[in-house]
Amino acid sequence: MGLSRNENEDKYGVKLILQSFEGRHAILAFEDKEAGTIKWPIHKLPNELKEGDKVTIKIQDNEEEYQMKRRLLEELVN
């Protein structure tokens, strides 16, 4: 899972707004206010982010691991 600015968004991203900083965590609020907030480690955020900035969390697979698993699976099947 990665965190990035709202650049190159796709339909699998979760849109959030950097609400505040609390200790070592950032409080990220969902755009749908009823969904609440989550804590995210500040050290995993881009340095230039500030309160009010929009971010997107994307879930993605590691392409190298995927290809390795695919090759192993193909070897087992064949």
Protein backbone atom coordinates (compact mmCIF):
# COMPACT_ATOMS: atom_id res chain seq x y z
CA MET A 1 0.00 0.00 0.00
CA GLY A 2 1.32 3.45 -0.95
CA LEU A 3 0.48 7.01 -0.31
CA SER A 4 0.78 9.72 -2.94
CA ARG A 5 -0.62 13.06 -3.99
CA ASN A 6 -3.80 12.99 -6.09
CA GLU A 7 -1.77 12.60 -9.29
CA ASN A 8 -2.42 9.68 -11.65
CA GLU A 9 -5.46 8.57 -9.67
CA ASP A 10 -7.28 5.46 -10.64
CA LYS A 11 -10.56 3.92 -9.61
CA TYR A 12 -8.85 1.77 -6.94
CA GLY A 13 -7.56 4.66 -4.85
CA VAL A 14 -9.05 5.84 -1.56
CA LYS A 15 -9.21 9.65 -1.42
CA LEU A 16 -8.28 11.32 1.86
CA ILE A 17 -7.50 14.78 3.20
CA LEU A 18 -4.62 15.45 5.60
CA GLN A 19 -6.57 16.79 8.55
CA SER A 20 -3.87 17.24 11.22
CA PHE A 21 -0.69 15.95 12.81
CA GLU A 22 -0.74 14.23 16.21
CA GLY A 23 2.61 13.14 17.57
CA ARG A 24 4.18 10.75 15.06
CA HIS A 25 0.95 10.28 13.11
CA ALA A 26 -1.04 12.21 10.56
CA ILE A 27 -4.81 12.13 10.81
CA LEU A 28 -6.28 11.45 7.38
CA ALA A 29 -9.99 12.10 6.87
CA PHE A 30 -12.06 10.40 4.20
CA GLU A 31 -13.77 12.75 1.75
CA ASP A 32 -17.01 11.10 2.84
CA LYS A 33 -17.09 12.59 6.34
CA GLU A 34 -19.26 9.75 7.67
CA ALA A 35 -16.42 7.28 6.98
CA GLY A 36 -14.23 8.80 9.71
CA THR A 37 -10.45 9.12 9.90
CA ILE A 38 -7.35 6.95 10.00
CA LYS A 39 -3.89 7.45 11.51
CA TRP A 40 -0.91 7.21 9.17
CA PRO A 41 2.78 7.34 10.21
CA ILE A 42 4.20 10.76 9.32
CA HIS A 43 7.49 9.21 8.16
CA LYS A 44 5.56 7.41 5.40
CA LEU A 45 4.16 10.65 3.98
CA PRO A 46 5.81 12.82 1.35
CA ASN A 47 7.70 15.61 3.15
CA GLU A 48 5.93 18.45 1.34
CA LEU A 49 2.41 17.55 2.50
CA LYS A 50 0.61 20.01 4.75
CA GLU A 51 -2.75 20.13 6.48
CA GLY A 52 -5.61 20.35 3.98
CA ASP A 53 -3.73 18.57 1.18
CA LYS A 54 -5.51 15.75 -0.63
CA VAL A 55 -3.85 12.34 -0.85
CA THR A 56 -4.81 8.95 -2.28
CA ILE A 57 -4.01 5.56 -0.78
CA LYS A 58 -3.65 2.86 -3.39
CA ILE A 59 -3.46 -0.86 -2.87
CA GLN A 60 -1.09 -2.40 -5.34
CA ASP A 61 0.77 -5.62 -5.80
CA ASN A 62 4.51 -5.78 -6.23
CA GLU A 63 4.91 -6.54 -9.96
CA GLU A 64 8.12 -8.56 -9.50
CA GLU A 65 6.54 -10.78 -6.84
CA TYR A 66 3.45 -11.24 -9.00
CA GLN A 67 5.51 -12.35 -12.01
CA MET A 68 7.56 -14.76 -9.87
CA LYS A 69 4.41 -16.32 -8.37
CA ARG A 70 2.85 -16.57 -11.82
CA ARG A 71 5.92 -18.40 -13.23
CA LEU A 72 5.93 -20.83 -10.27
CA LEU A 73 2.21 -21.49 -10.71
CA GLU A 74 2.65 -22.08 -14.44
CA GLU A 75 5.48 -24.54 -13.73
CA LEU A 76 3.27 -26.46 -11.30
CA VAL A 77 0.35 -26.59 -13.71
CA ASN A 78 2.45 -27.63 -16.71
